[in-house]
Amino acid sequence: MKIFKWHTEYTITLLVLFALALLFMPTTIKSTVQANNITKWKDCYKKLTYAQDAILKQEQSDILTSLKKAASPEDREELIIQIIKPYIRLNDTKVPKKYKVKYLNKSNIAKNDSVYTYDYYYTDDRMIVGIKDLPDKENTNTKFIMTFDVNGTKPPNLWGKDVFGVEVYSSSVEPIGSDMRIEEQNADCSNFGTGVSCSNYYLIGGDFND
């Protein structure tokens, strides 16, 4: 009888441990994937900062004149692609239209949103890069926005999870969200936010806000 009771207690203990493992495993896996994506984004941004001087010097030379004379946003984006292609190993293969990016809160990105991008391109290592031309406006000198899906077409394709971005100005390259207060970044980098400011929030050591 004691042996039977011992086996019963042992079985119950194993079942409890197994249930706990199943309960926490998804969170652990998600946390590991997220940590890897953040590491990839930090590496990506580091490469951009190394290349920014060369990009900006080239952009401010004869190509800048071409940008000003471009007949359409599409022509400007094509020129921008030629500027950055050597620095991020961009190739001419466009990502299929079925690829879609959403905000962190799972809402769709509207066509008039600043981070909406029509065309995406692969890099040689299968990262996905989007380029959004932003013509000069009265209160900003932003030239264009670049977005990076650090794990390619693999899900979740969400801002703040595997999608991050920078704003390219006439004199600098800044992660999106760098102009926001830390409290705003913290709120935006949560399941209820857009996730766009995670691009800067993670670079300054912020943690995901559940």
N, C-alpha and C. Protein backbone atom coordinates (compact mmCIF):
# COMPACT_ATOMS: atom_id res chain seq x y z
N MET A 1 0.83 -1.20 0.00
CA MET A 1 0.00 0.00 0.00
C MET A 1 0.87 1.26 0.00
N LYS A 2 1.94 1.26 0.80
CA LYS A 2 2.83 2.42 0.86
C LYS A 2 3.49 2.66 -0.49
N ILE A 3 3.87 1.55 -1.18
CA ILE A 3 4.49 1.67 -2.50
C ILE A 3 3.52 2.30 -3.48
N PHE A 4 2.26 1.85 -3.43
CA PHE A 4 1.23 2.38 -4.33
C PHE A 4 1.02 3.87 -4.06
N LYS A 5 0.98 4.22 -2.77
CA LYS A 5 0.79 5.63 -2.40
C LYS A 5 1.97 6.46 -2.88
N TRP A 6 3.19 5.92 -2.75
CA TRP A 6 4.37 6.65 -3.20
C TRP A 6 4.33 6.90 -4.70
N HIS A 7 3.93 5.84 -5.46
CA HIS A 7 3.83 5.98 -6.92
C HIS A 7 2.77 7.01 -7.30
N THR A 8 1.67 7.03 -6.58
CA THR A 8 0.60 7.99 -6.86
C THR A 8 1.07 9.42 -6.63
N GLU A 9 1.74 9.64 -5.50
CA GLU A 9 2.25 10.97 -5.18
C GLU A 9 3.31 11.41 -6.20
N TYR A 10 4.15 10.46 -6.58
CA TYR A 10 5.20 10.75 -7.55
C TYR A 10 4.60 11.15 -8.90
N THR A 11 3.55 10.42 -9.32
CA THR A 11 2.87 10.70 -10.58
C THR A 11 2.20 12.07 -10.56
N ILE A 12 1.55 12.36 -9.43
CA ILE A 12 0.88 13.66 -9.29
C ILE A 12 1.90 14.79 -9.37
N THR A 13 3.05 14.59 -8.70
CA THR A 13 4.11 15.61 -8.72
C THR A 13 4.61 15.85 -10.14
N LEU A 14 4.81 14.77 -10.90
CA LEU A 14 5.27 14.90 -12.27
C LEU A 14 4.24 15.63 -13.13
N LEU A 15 2.96 15.31 -12.91
CA LEU A 15 1.90 15.96 -13.68
C LEU A 15 1.85 17.46 -13.39
N VAL A 16 2.04 17.81 -12.13
CA VAL A 16 2.03 19.23 -11.75
C VAL A 16 3.21 19.95 -12.40
N LEU A 17 4.39 19.34 -12.34
CA LEU A 17 5.57 19.94 -12.95
C LEU A 17 5.42 20.09 -14.46
N PHE A 18 4.80 19.07 -15.08
CA PHE A 18 4.57 19.11 -16.53
C PHE A 18 3.60 20.23 -16.89
N ALA A 19 2.55 20.38 -16.07
CA ALA A 19 1.57 21.44 -16.31
C ALA A 19 2.21 22.82 -16.17
N LEU A 20 3.07 22.97 -15.16
CA LEU A 20 3.76 24.24 -14.97
C LEU A 20 4.71 24.54 -16.13
N ALA A 21 5.36 23.50 -16.63
CA ALA A 21 6.26 23.67 -17.76
C ALA A 21 5.50 24.15 -18.99
N LEU A 22 4.33 23.55 -19.23
CA LEU A 22 3.51 23.96 -20.36
C LEU A 22 3.01 25.40 -20.19
N LEU A 23 2.75 25.77 -18.94
CA LEU A 23 2.23 27.11 -18.66
C LEU A 23 3.27 28.18 -18.95
N PHE A 24 4.51 27.93 -18.57
CA PHE A 24 5.54 28.95 -18.69
C PHE A 24 6.38 28.84 -19.96
N MET A 25 6.33 27.72 -20.64
CA MET A 25 7.16 27.53 -21.83
C MET A 25 6.87 28.55 -22.92
N PRO A 26 5.60 28.81 -23.29
CA PRO A 26 5.34 29.80 -24.34
C PRO A 26 5.94 31.16 -24.02
N THR A 27 5.82 31.60 -22.77
CA THR A 27 6.37 32.88 -22.36
C THR A 27 7.88 32.89 -22.51
N THR A 28 8.51 31.78 -22.11
CA THR A 28 9.96 31.68 -22.21
C THR A 28 10.42 31.73 -23.65
N ILE A 29 9.73 30.98 -24.52
CA ILE A 29 10.07 30.96 -25.94
C ILE A 29 9.89 32.34 -26.55
N LYS A 30 8.76 32.99 -26.26
CA LYS A 30 8.49 34.32 -26.80
C LYS A 30 9.53 35.32 -26.33
N SER A 31 9.92 35.21 -25.05
CA SER A 31 10.91 36.13 -24.51
C SER A 31 12.26 35.95 -25.20
N THR A 32 12.61 34.69 -25.47
CA THR A 32 13.88 34.41 -26.14
C THR A 32 13.88 34.94 -27.56
N VAL A 33 12.78 34.73 -28.28
CA VAL A 33 12.66 35.23 -29.65
C VAL A 33 12.73 36.74 -29.67
N GLN A 34 12.01 37.38 -28.72
CA GLN A 34 12.02 38.84 -28.65
C GLN A 34 13.43 39.37 -28.36
N ALA A 35 14.11 38.72 -27.44
CA ALA A 35 15.48 39.13 -27.10
C ALA A 35 16.39 39.03 -28.32
N ASN A 36 16.23 37.96 -29.09
CA ASN A 36 17.04 37.79 -30.30
C ASN A 36 16.74 38.88 -31.33
N ASN A 37 15.44 39.22 -31.47
CA ASN A 37 15.06 40.26 -32.42
C ASN A 37 15.62 41.62 -32.01
N ILE A 38 15.60 41.90 -30.71
CA ILE A 38 16.14 43.17 -30.22
C ILE A 38 17.65 43.23 -30.47
N THR A 39 18.33 42.11 -30.25
CA THR A 39 19.77 42.05 -30.52
C THR A 39 20.05 42.31 -31.99
N LYS A 40 19.23 41.72 -32.87
CA LYS A 40 19.40 41.94 -34.31
C LYS A 40 19.19 43.40 -34.66
N TRP A 41 18.18 44.02 -34.03
CA TRP A 41 17.91 45.43 -34.30
C TRP A 41 19.08 46.31 -33.83
N LYS A 42 19.63 46.02 -32.66
CA LYS A 42 20.76 46.80 -32.17
C LYS A 42 21.95 46.67 -33.11
N ASP A 43 22.19 45.47 -33.62
CA ASP A 43 23.28 45.27 -34.57
C ASP A 43 23.02 46.03 -35.86
N CYS A 44 21.77 45.99 -36.31
CA CYS A 44 21.39 46.69 -37.53
C CYS A 44 21.59 48.19 -37.38
N TYR A 45 21.14 48.73 -36.27
CA TYR A 45 21.27 50.18 -36.05
C TYR A 45 22.74 50.58 -35.94
N LYS A 46 23.53 49.72 -35.33
CA LYS A 46 24.97 50.01 -35.21
C LYS A 46 25.60 50.13 -36.60
N LYS A 47 25.20 49.24 -37.51
CA LYS A 47 25.73 49.30 -38.88
C LYS A 47 25.28 50.58 -39.57
N LEU A 48 24.03 50.99 -39.30
CA LEU A 48 23.53 52.23 -39.89
C LEU A 48 24.31 53.44 -39.41
N THR A 49 24.63 53.47 -38.13
CA THR A 49 25.38 54.61 -37.60
C THR A 49 26.80 54.64 -38.17
N TYR A 50 27.37 53.46 -38.44
CA TYR A 50 28.69 53.42 -39.05
C TYR A 50 28.64 54.00 -40.47
N ALA A 51 27.53 53.73 -41.15
CA ALA A 51 27.42 54.12 -42.56
C ALA A 51 26.82 55.50 -42.75
N GLN A 52 26.26 56.09 -41.67
CA GLN A 52 25.46 57.31 -41.87
C GLN A 52 26.27 58.47 -42.45
N ASP A 53 27.51 58.63 -42.04
CA ASP A 53 28.31 59.73 -42.56
C ASP A 53 28.48 59.61 -44.07
N ALA A 54 28.78 58.39 -44.51
CA ALA A 54 28.96 58.17 -45.95
C ALA A 54 27.65 58.37 -46.70
N ILE A 55 26.55 57.89 -46.11
CA ILE A 55 25.24 58.04 -46.75
C ILE A 55 24.88 59.52 -46.87
N LEU A 56 25.04 60.24 -45.76
CA LEU A 56 24.63 61.64 -45.75
C LEU A 56 25.52 62.49 -46.66
N LYS A 57 26.81 62.21 -46.70
CA LYS A 57 27.69 62.96 -47.58
C LYS A 57 27.31 62.74 -49.04
N GLN A 58 26.99 61.49 -49.37
CA GLN A 58 26.60 61.20 -50.74
C GLN A 58 25.25 61.84 -51.04
N GLU A 59 24.34 61.78 -50.08
CA GLU A 59 23.00 62.33 -50.26
C GLU A 59 23.04 63.84 -50.40
N GLN A 60 24.05 64.45 -49.80
CA GLN A 60 24.14 65.91 -49.85
C GLN A 60 24.92 66.40 -51.08
N SER A 61 25.40 65.47 -51.88
CA SER A 61 26.16 65.90 -53.05
C SER A 61 25.27 65.99 -54.28
N ASP A 62 25.69 65.40 -55.39
CA ASP A 62 24.94 65.53 -56.64
C ASP A 62 23.59 64.82 -56.59
N ILE A 63 23.48 63.77 -55.76
CA ILE A 63 22.21 63.05 -55.68
C ILE A 63 21.14 63.92 -55.03
N LEU A 64 21.55 64.81 -54.13
CA LEU A 64 20.59 65.71 -53.50
C LEU A 64 19.89 66.57 -54.56
N THR A 65 20.66 67.02 -55.53
CA THR A 65 20.06 67.80 -56.62
C THR A 65 19.05 66.96 -57.39
N SER A 66 19.39 65.71 -57.62
CA SER A 66 18.48 64.81 -58.33
C SER A 66 17.20 64.58 -57.53
N LEU A 67 17.35 64.47 -56.19
CA LEU A 67 16.17 64.27 -55.34
C LEU A 67 15.21 65.45 -55.45
N LYS A 68 15.78 66.66 -55.47
CA LYS A 68 14.95 67.86 -55.55
C LYS A 68 14.24 67.97 -56.89
N LYS A 69 14.86 67.41 -57.93
CA LYS A 69 14.29 67.52 -59.27
C LYS A 69 13.40 66.32 -59.62
N ALA A 70 13.35 65.32 -58.74
CA ALA A 70 12.56 64.11 -59.03
C ALA A 70 11.11 64.47 -59.31
N ALA A 71 10.55 63.84 -60.33
CA ALA A 71 9.20 64.18 -60.77
C ALA A 71 8.11 63.60 -59.89
N SER A 72 8.42 62.54 -59.13
CA SER A 72 7.40 61.87 -58.32
C SER A 72 8.04 61.24 -57.09
N PRO A 73 7.20 60.91 -56.07
CA PRO A 73 7.73 60.21 -54.89
C PRO A 73 8.39 58.89 -55.26
N GLU A 74 7.86 58.22 -56.28
CA GLU A 74 8.44 56.95 -56.70
C GLU A 74 9.86 57.15 -57.22
N ASP A 75 10.06 58.25 -57.99
CA ASP A 75 11.39 58.55 -58.50
C ASP A 75 12.36 58.87 -57.36
N ARG A 76 11.86 59.60 -56.35
CA ARG A 76 12.69 59.93 -55.19
C ARG A 76 13.09 58.67 -54.45
N GLU A 77 12.13 57.77 -54.26
CA GLU A 77 12.43 56.53 -53.53
C GLU A 77 13.44 55.69 -54.28
N GLU A 78 13.36 55.69 -55.60
CA GLU A 78 14.32 54.93 -56.38
C GLU A 78 15.73 55.50 -56.21
N LEU A 79 15.84 56.83 -56.16
CA LEU A 79 17.13 57.47 -55.93
C LEU A 79 17.65 57.16 -54.53
N ILE A 80 16.74 57.18 -53.55
CA ILE A 80 17.13 56.87 -52.17
C ILE A 80 17.66 55.44 -52.07
N ILE A 81 16.99 54.53 -52.78
CA ILE A 81 17.43 53.13 -52.79
C ILE A 81 18.86 53.02 -53.32
N GLN A 82 19.15 53.77 -54.36
CA GLN A 82 20.50 53.74 -54.93
C GLN A 82 21.53 54.29 -53.96
N ILE A 83 21.11 55.26 -53.13
CA ILE A 83 22.02 55.83 -52.13
C ILE A 83 22.41 54.79 -51.08
N ILE A 84 21.41 54.08 -50.57
CA ILE A 84 21.66 53.20 -49.42
C ILE A 84 22.03 51.78 -49.80
N LYS A 85 21.80 51.41 -51.04
CA LYS A 85 22.03 50.01 -51.46
C LYS A 85 23.40 49.48 -51.07
N PRO A 86 24.49 50.21 -51.29
CA PRO A 86 25.81 49.63 -50.97
C PRO A 86 26.04 49.39 -49.48
N TYR A 87 25.30 50.10 -48.62
CA TYR A 87 25.61 50.08 -47.19
C TYR A 87 24.83 49.01 -46.43
N ILE A 88 23.67 48.61 -46.94
CA ILE A 88 22.89 47.58 -46.23
C ILE A 88 22.67 46.35 -47.09
N ARG A 89 23.45 46.22 -48.17
CA ARG A 89 23.41 45.04 -49.04
C ARG A 89 21.99 44.76 -49.53
N LEU A 90 21.34 45.84 -49.96
CA LEU A 90 19.99 45.73 -50.50
C LEU A 90 20.05 45.15 -51.90
N ASN A 91 19.15 44.21 -52.21
CA ASN A 91 19.09 43.72 -53.58
C ASN A 91 17.79 44.16 -54.25
N ASP A 92 17.63 43.86 -55.51
CA ASP A 92 16.50 44.38 -56.28
C ASP A 92 15.25 43.51 -56.18
N THR A 93 15.30 42.48 -55.35
CA THR A 93 14.14 41.59 -55.22
C THR A 93 13.12 42.19 -54.27
N LYS A 94 11.94 42.51 -54.79
CA LYS A 94 10.89 43.07 -53.94
C LYS A 94 10.17 41.95 -53.19
N VAL A 95 9.72 42.28 -52.00
CA VAL A 95 8.97 41.33 -51.18
C VAL A 95 7.54 41.24 -51.74
N PRO A 96 6.96 40.03 -51.83
CA PRO A 96 5.60 39.89 -52.35
C PRO A 96 4.59 40.74 -51.60
N LYS A 97 3.55 41.20 -52.30
CA LYS A 97 2.57 42.10 -51.72
C LYS A 97 1.80 41.48 -50.55
N LYS A 98 1.78 40.17 -50.45
CA LYS A 98 1.05 39.53 -49.35
C LYS A 98 1.71 39.79 -47.99
N TYR A 99 2.97 40.23 -48.02
CA TYR A 99 3.66 40.58 -46.78
C TYR A 99 3.06 41.86 -46.23
N LYS A 100 2.60 41.82 -44.98
CA LYS A 100 1.98 42.97 -44.35
C LYS A 100 2.58 43.21 -42.97
N VAL A 101 2.74 44.46 -42.63
CA VAL A 101 3.22 44.86 -41.30
C VAL A 101 2.08 45.52 -40.56
N LYS A 102 1.96 45.22 -39.26
CA LYS A 102 0.94 45.85 -38.42
C LYS A 102 1.60 46.51 -37.21
N TYR A 103 0.81 47.33 -36.55
CA TYR A 103 1.28 47.92 -35.30
C TYR A 103 1.32 46.85 -34.21
N LEU A 104 1.99 47.16 -33.13
CA LEU A 104 2.15 46.22 -32.02
C LEU A 104 0.81 45.80 -31.42
N ASN A 105 -0.17 46.71 -31.42
CA ASN A 105 -1.49 46.38 -30.89
C ASN A 105 -2.37 45.64 -31.90
N LYS A 106 -1.75 45.18 -33.00
CA LYS A 106 -2.38 44.39 -34.05
C LYS A 106 -3.28 45.20 -34.98
N SER A 107 -3.31 46.51 -34.82
CA SER A 107 -4.13 47.33 -35.72
C SER A 107 -3.39 47.53 -37.04
N ASN A 108 -4.16 47.77 -38.10
CA ASN A 108 -3.59 47.96 -39.42
C ASN A 108 -2.94 49.33 -39.55
N ILE A 109 -1.96 49.42 -40.43
CA ILE A 109 -1.30 50.69 -40.71
C ILE A 109 -2.02 51.36 -41.87
N ALA A 110 -2.55 52.54 -41.64
CA ALA A 110 -3.29 53.27 -42.67
C ALA A 110 -2.33 53.84 -43.72
N LYS A 111 -2.83 54.00 -44.93
CA LYS A 111 -1.98 54.48 -46.02
C LYS A 111 -1.44 55.88 -45.78
N ASN A 112 -2.15 56.68 -44.99
CA ASN A 112 -1.66 58.03 -44.72
C ASN A 112 -0.80 58.12 -43.47
N ASP A 113 -0.52 56.98 -42.83
CA ASP A 113 0.39 56.97 -41.68
C ASP A 113 1.83 57.14 -42.16
N SER A 114 2.62 57.81 -41.35
CA SER A 114 4.00 58.11 -41.78
C SER A 114 4.83 56.85 -42.00
N VAL A 115 4.53 55.78 -41.28
CA VAL A 115 5.34 54.55 -41.42
C VAL A 115 4.78 53.58 -42.44
N TYR A 116 3.68 53.96 -43.11
CA TYR A 116 3.14 53.08 -44.16
C TYR A 116 4.12 53.01 -45.32
N THR A 117 4.43 51.81 -45.74
CA THR A 117 5.38 51.61 -46.83
C THR A 117 4.76 50.72 -47.89
N TYR A 118 4.87 51.14 -49.13
CA TYR A 118 4.24 50.38 -50.22
C TYR A 118 5.12 49.23 -50.69
N ASP A 119 6.40 49.51 -50.89
CA ASP A 119 7.32 48.48 -51.38
C ASP A 119 8.36 48.13 -50.33
N TYR A 120 8.66 46.84 -50.24
CA TYR A 120 9.70 46.33 -49.35
C TYR A 120 10.71 45.55 -50.18
N TYR A 121 11.96 45.54 -49.70
CA TYR A 121 13.03 44.87 -50.43
C TYR A 121 13.79 43.93 -49.49
N TYR A 122 14.34 42.87 -50.08
CA TYR A 122 15.18 41.95 -49.33
C TYR A 122 16.61 42.47 -49.29
N THR A 123 17.28 42.18 -48.19
CA THR A 123 18.73 42.34 -48.18
C THR A 123 19.34 40.98 -48.51
N ASP A 124 20.63 40.94 -48.70
CA ASP A 124 21.28 39.68 -49.05
C ASP A 124 21.13 38.63 -47.96
N ASP A 125 20.95 39.07 -46.70
CA ASP A 125 20.77 38.10 -45.61
C ASP A 125 19.29 37.91 -45.26
N ARG A 126 18.40 38.31 -46.20
CA ARG A 126 16.95 38.06 -46.12
C ARG A 126 16.24 38.90 -45.07
N MET A 127 16.87 39.94 -44.58
CA MET A 127 16.15 40.92 -43.79
C MET A 127 15.28 41.72 -44.76
N ILE A 128 14.19 42.30 -44.27
CA ILE A 128 13.31 43.08 -45.14
C ILE A 128 13.43 44.55 -44.80
N VAL A 129 13.62 45.37 -45.83
CA VAL A 129 13.78 46.81 -45.65
C VAL A 129 12.69 47.55 -46.42
N GLY A 130 12.03 48.48 -45.73
CA GLY A 130 11.06 49.35 -46.38
C GLY A 130 11.58 50.77 -46.42
N ILE A 131 11.28 51.49 -47.48
CA ILE A 131 11.75 52.86 -47.63
C ILE A 131 10.56 53.76 -47.95
N LYS A 132 10.37 54.77 -47.13
CA LYS A 132 9.25 55.69 -47.29
C LYS A 132 9.79 57.11 -47.46
N ASP A 133 9.58 57.66 -48.65
CA ASP A 133 10.02 59.02 -48.91
C ASP A 133 9.12 60.01 -48.19
N LEU A 134 9.74 60.99 -47.55
CA LEU A 134 8.99 62.06 -46.87
C LEU A 134 9.46 63.40 -47.41
N PRO A 135 8.76 63.95 -48.39
CA PRO A 135 9.17 65.26 -48.93
C PRO A 135 9.22 66.29 -47.82
N ASP A 136 10.10 67.26 -47.98
CA ASP A 136 10.24 68.31 -46.96
C ASP A 136 8.92 68.99 -46.67
N LYS A 137 8.63 69.14 -45.37
CA LYS A 137 7.43 69.85 -44.95
C LYS A 137 7.85 71.05 -44.12
N GLU A 138 6.91 71.86 -43.76
CA GLU A 138 7.21 73.13 -43.12
C GLU A 138 7.96 72.97 -41.80
N ASN A 139 7.59 71.94 -41.01
CA ASN A 139 8.14 71.83 -39.66
C ASN A 139 9.10 70.65 -39.48
N THR A 140 9.58 70.09 -40.56
CA THR A 140 10.49 68.95 -40.42
C THR A 140 11.47 68.92 -41.57
N ASN A 141 12.67 68.43 -41.29
CA ASN A 141 13.64 68.26 -42.36
C ASN A 141 13.91 66.77 -42.62
N THR A 142 12.94 65.93 -42.23
CA THR A 142 13.08 64.50 -42.47
C THR A 142 13.12 64.23 -43.96
N LYS A 143 14.06 63.42 -44.39
CA LYS A 143 14.17 63.07 -45.80
C LYS A 143 13.37 61.80 -46.11
N PHE A 144 13.61 60.75 -45.31
CA PHE A 144 12.87 59.51 -45.53
C PHE A 144 12.94 58.63 -44.29
N ILE A 145 12.07 57.64 -44.28
CA ILE A 145 12.02 56.66 -43.19
C ILE A 145 12.45 55.31 -43.74
N MET A 146 13.24 54.60 -42.96
CA MET A 146 13.62 53.24 -43.31
C MET A 146 13.11 52.30 -42.23
N THR A 147 12.47 51.21 -42.64
CA THR A 147 12.00 50.21 -41.68
C THR A 147 12.72 48.89 -41.93
N PHE A 148 12.90 48.13 -40.85
CA PHE A 148 13.65 46.87 -40.93
C PHE A 148 12.89 45.76 -40.22
N ASP A 149 12.53 44.72 -40.96
CA ASP A 149 11.98 43.52 -40.34
C ASP A 149 13.16 42.57 -40.17
N VAL A 150 13.64 42.47 -38.94
CA VAL A 150 14.93 41.82 -38.69
C VAL A 150 14.92 40.32 -38.89
N ASN A 151 13.72 39.69 -38.89
CA ASN A 151 13.67 38.25 -39.14
C ASN A 151 12.93 37.92 -40.44
N GLY A 152 12.90 38.88 -41.35
CA GLY A 152 12.34 38.63 -42.67
C GLY A 152 10.83 38.42 -42.65
N THR A 153 10.37 37.51 -43.47
CA THR A 153 8.93 37.28 -43.59
C THR A 153 8.34 36.47 -42.44
N LYS A 154 9.19 35.95 -41.57
CA LYS A 154 8.68 35.18 -40.44
C LYS A 154 7.81 36.07 -39.55
N PRO A 155 6.71 35.51 -39.01
CA PRO A 155 5.86 36.31 -38.13
C PRO A 155 6.61 36.68 -36.85
N PRO A 156 6.14 37.72 -36.15
CA PRO A 156 4.80 38.29 -36.24
C PRO A 156 4.66 39.48 -37.18
N ASN A 157 5.77 40.04 -37.71
CA ASN A 157 5.71 41.21 -38.59
C ASN A 157 4.98 42.38 -37.92
N LEU A 158 5.37 42.66 -36.70
CA LEU A 158 4.75 43.73 -35.91
C LEU A 158 5.80 44.76 -35.49
N TRP A 159 5.42 46.03 -35.53
CA TRP A 159 6.28 47.07 -34.99
C TRP A 159 6.58 46.79 -33.51
N GLY A 160 7.83 46.89 -33.15
CA GLY A 160 8.22 46.68 -31.76
C GLY A 160 8.51 45.23 -31.42
N LYS A 161 8.14 44.31 -32.31
CA LYS A 161 8.45 42.89 -32.10
C LYS A 161 9.62 42.49 -32.99
N ASP A 162 9.41 42.58 -34.31
CA ASP A 162 10.49 42.28 -35.25
C ASP A 162 10.68 43.38 -36.28
N VAL A 163 9.86 44.44 -36.19
CA VAL A 163 9.95 45.57 -37.11
C VAL A 163 10.36 46.83 -36.36
N PHE A 164 11.38 47.51 -36.87
CA PHE A 164 11.91 48.72 -36.25
C PHE A 164 12.25 49.71 -37.35
N GLY A 165 12.54 50.97 -36.98
CA GLY A 165 12.80 51.92 -38.04
C GLY A 165 13.60 53.13 -37.60
N VAL A 166 14.07 53.88 -38.62
CA VAL A 166 14.82 55.11 -38.39
C VAL A 166 14.27 56.21 -39.28
N GLU A 167 14.49 57.44 -38.84
CA GLU A 167 14.21 58.61 -39.66
C GLU A 167 15.55 59.18 -40.12
N VAL A 168 15.66 59.42 -41.41
CA VAL A 168 16.89 59.95 -41.96
C VAL A 168 16.70 61.44 -42.24
N TYR A 169 17.50 62.26 -41.55
CA TYR A 169 17.45 63.71 -41.72
C TYR A 169 18.61 64.15 -42.59
N SER A 170 18.67 65.44 -42.84
CA SER A 170 19.74 65.96 -43.68
C SER A 170 21.11 65.86 -43.00
N SER A 171 21.11 65.68 -41.68
CA SER A 171 22.40 65.64 -40.97
C SER A 171 22.54 64.48 -39.99
N SER A 172 21.54 63.60 -39.91
CA SER A 172 21.63 62.50 -38.94
C SER A 172 20.64 61.39 -39.28
N VAL A 173 20.88 60.24 -38.66
CA VAL A 173 19.96 59.10 -38.75
C VAL A 173 19.51 58.78 -37.34
N GLU A 174 18.21 58.91 -37.06
CA GLU A 174 17.70 58.77 -35.70
C GLU A 174 16.67 57.64 -35.62
N PRO A 175 16.73 56.81 -34.56
CA PRO A 175 15.70 55.79 -34.38
C PRO A 175 14.34 56.44 -34.13
N ILE A 176 13.30 55.87 -34.68
CA ILE A 176 11.97 56.43 -34.49
C ILE A 176 11.61 56.37 -33.00
N GLY A 177 11.10 57.48 -32.50
CA GLY A 177 10.75 57.57 -31.08
C GLY A 177 11.76 58.35 -30.26
N SER A 178 12.89 58.70 -30.87
CA SER A 178 13.93 59.39 -30.10
C SER A 178 13.51 60.80 -29.68
N ASP A 179 12.48 61.34 -30.32
CA ASP A 179 11.99 62.67 -29.97
C ASP A 179 10.84 62.62 -28.96
N MET A 180 10.50 61.42 -28.47
CA MET A 180 9.41 61.26 -27.52
C MET A 180 9.95 61.17 -26.09
N ARG A 181 9.14 61.59 -25.14
CA ARG A 181 9.52 61.45 -23.73
C ARG A 181 9.56 59.97 -23.36
N ILE A 182 10.37 59.62 -22.39
CA ILE A 182 10.55 58.22 -22.02
C ILE A 182 9.23 57.59 -21.58
N GLU A 183 8.37 58.38 -20.93
CA GLU A 183 7.07 57.86 -20.50
C GLU A 183 6.19 57.52 -21.72
N GLU A 184 6.29 58.33 -22.75
CA GLU A 184 5.53 58.07 -23.96
C GLU A 184 6.05 56.83 -24.68
N GLN A 185 7.36 56.68 -24.69
CA GLN A 185 7.94 55.49 -25.31
C GLN A 185 7.52 54.24 -24.56
N ASN A 186 7.54 54.31 -23.24
CA ASN A 186 7.16 53.18 -22.41
C ASN A 186 5.72 52.75 -22.68
N ALA A 187 4.82 53.72 -22.81
CA ALA A 187 3.41 53.42 -23.07
C ALA A 187 3.21 52.87 -24.48
N ASP A 188 3.95 53.44 -25.44
CA ASP A 188 3.80 53.01 -26.82
C ASP A 188 4.38 51.63 -27.06
N CYS A 189 5.41 51.29 -26.28
CA CYS A 189 6.07 49.98 -26.44
C CYS A 189 5.38 48.96 -25.54
N SER A 190 4.08 48.80 -25.75
CA SER A 190 3.27 47.85 -24.97
C SER A 190 2.22 47.24 -25.89
N ASN A 191 1.50 46.26 -25.39
CA ASN A 191 0.47 45.60 -26.19
C ASN A 191 -0.64 46.55 -26.61
N PHE A 192 -0.71 47.72 -25.99
CA PHE A 192 -1.77 48.68 -26.30
C PHE A 192 -1.26 49.81 -27.19
N GLY A 193 0.03 49.82 -27.50
CA GLY A 193 0.62 50.90 -28.29
C GLY A 193 0.91 50.48 -29.72
N THR A 194 1.46 51.42 -30.47
CA THR A 194 1.79 51.14 -31.87
C THR A 194 3.09 50.35 -31.98
N GLY A 195 3.99 50.57 -31.03
CA GLY A 195 5.28 49.87 -31.07
C GLY A 195 6.35 50.57 -31.88
N VAL A 196 6.01 51.68 -32.56
CA VAL A 196 7.01 52.33 -33.41
C VAL A 196 8.16 52.92 -32.59
N SER A 197 7.84 53.41 -31.39
CA SER A 197 8.90 54.01 -30.57
C SER A 197 9.79 52.97 -29.90
N CYS A 198 9.43 51.69 -30.01
CA CYS A 198 10.32 50.63 -29.51
C CYS A 198 11.67 50.70 -30.22
N SER A 199 11.68 51.27 -31.43
CA SER A 199 12.92 51.39 -32.20
C SER A 199 13.97 52.13 -31.40
N ASN A 200 13.56 53.15 -30.66
CA ASN A 200 14.50 53.88 -29.81
C ASN A 200 14.51 53.32 -28.39
N TYR A 201 13.35 52.93 -27.90
CA TYR A 201 13.20 52.51 -26.50
C TYR A 201 14.13 51.35 -26.16
N TYR A 202 14.24 50.37 -27.06
CA TYR A 202 15.11 49.23 -26.79
C TYR A 202 16.58 49.61 -26.89
N LEU A 203 16.89 50.58 -27.73
CA LEU A 203 18.29 50.99 -27.87
C LEU A 203 18.81 51.69 -26.62
N ILE A 204 17.89 52.31 -25.85
CA ILE A 204 18.33 53.00 -24.63
C ILE A 204 18.11 52.12 -23.38
N GLY A 205 17.82 50.84 -23.60
CA GLY A 205 17.75 49.90 -22.49
C GLY A 205 16.37 49.67 -21.92
N GLY A 206 15.31 50.14 -22.61
CA GLY A 206 13.95 49.94 -22.12
C GLY A 206 13.52 48.50 -22.22
N ASP A 207 12.60 48.08 -21.33
CA ASP A 207 12.04 46.75 -21.33
C ASP A 207 10.62 46.80 -21.84
N PHE A 208 10.16 45.69 -22.43
CA PHE A 208 8.79 45.63 -22.94
C PHE A 208 7.80 45.82 -21.82
N ASN A 209 6.78 46.63 -22.08
CA ASN A 209 5.77 46.97 -21.07
C ASN A 209 4.50 46.19 -21.34
N ASP A 210 4.23 45.12 -20.56
CA ASP A 210 3.02 44.33 -20.73
C ASP A 210 1.78 45.14 -20.40
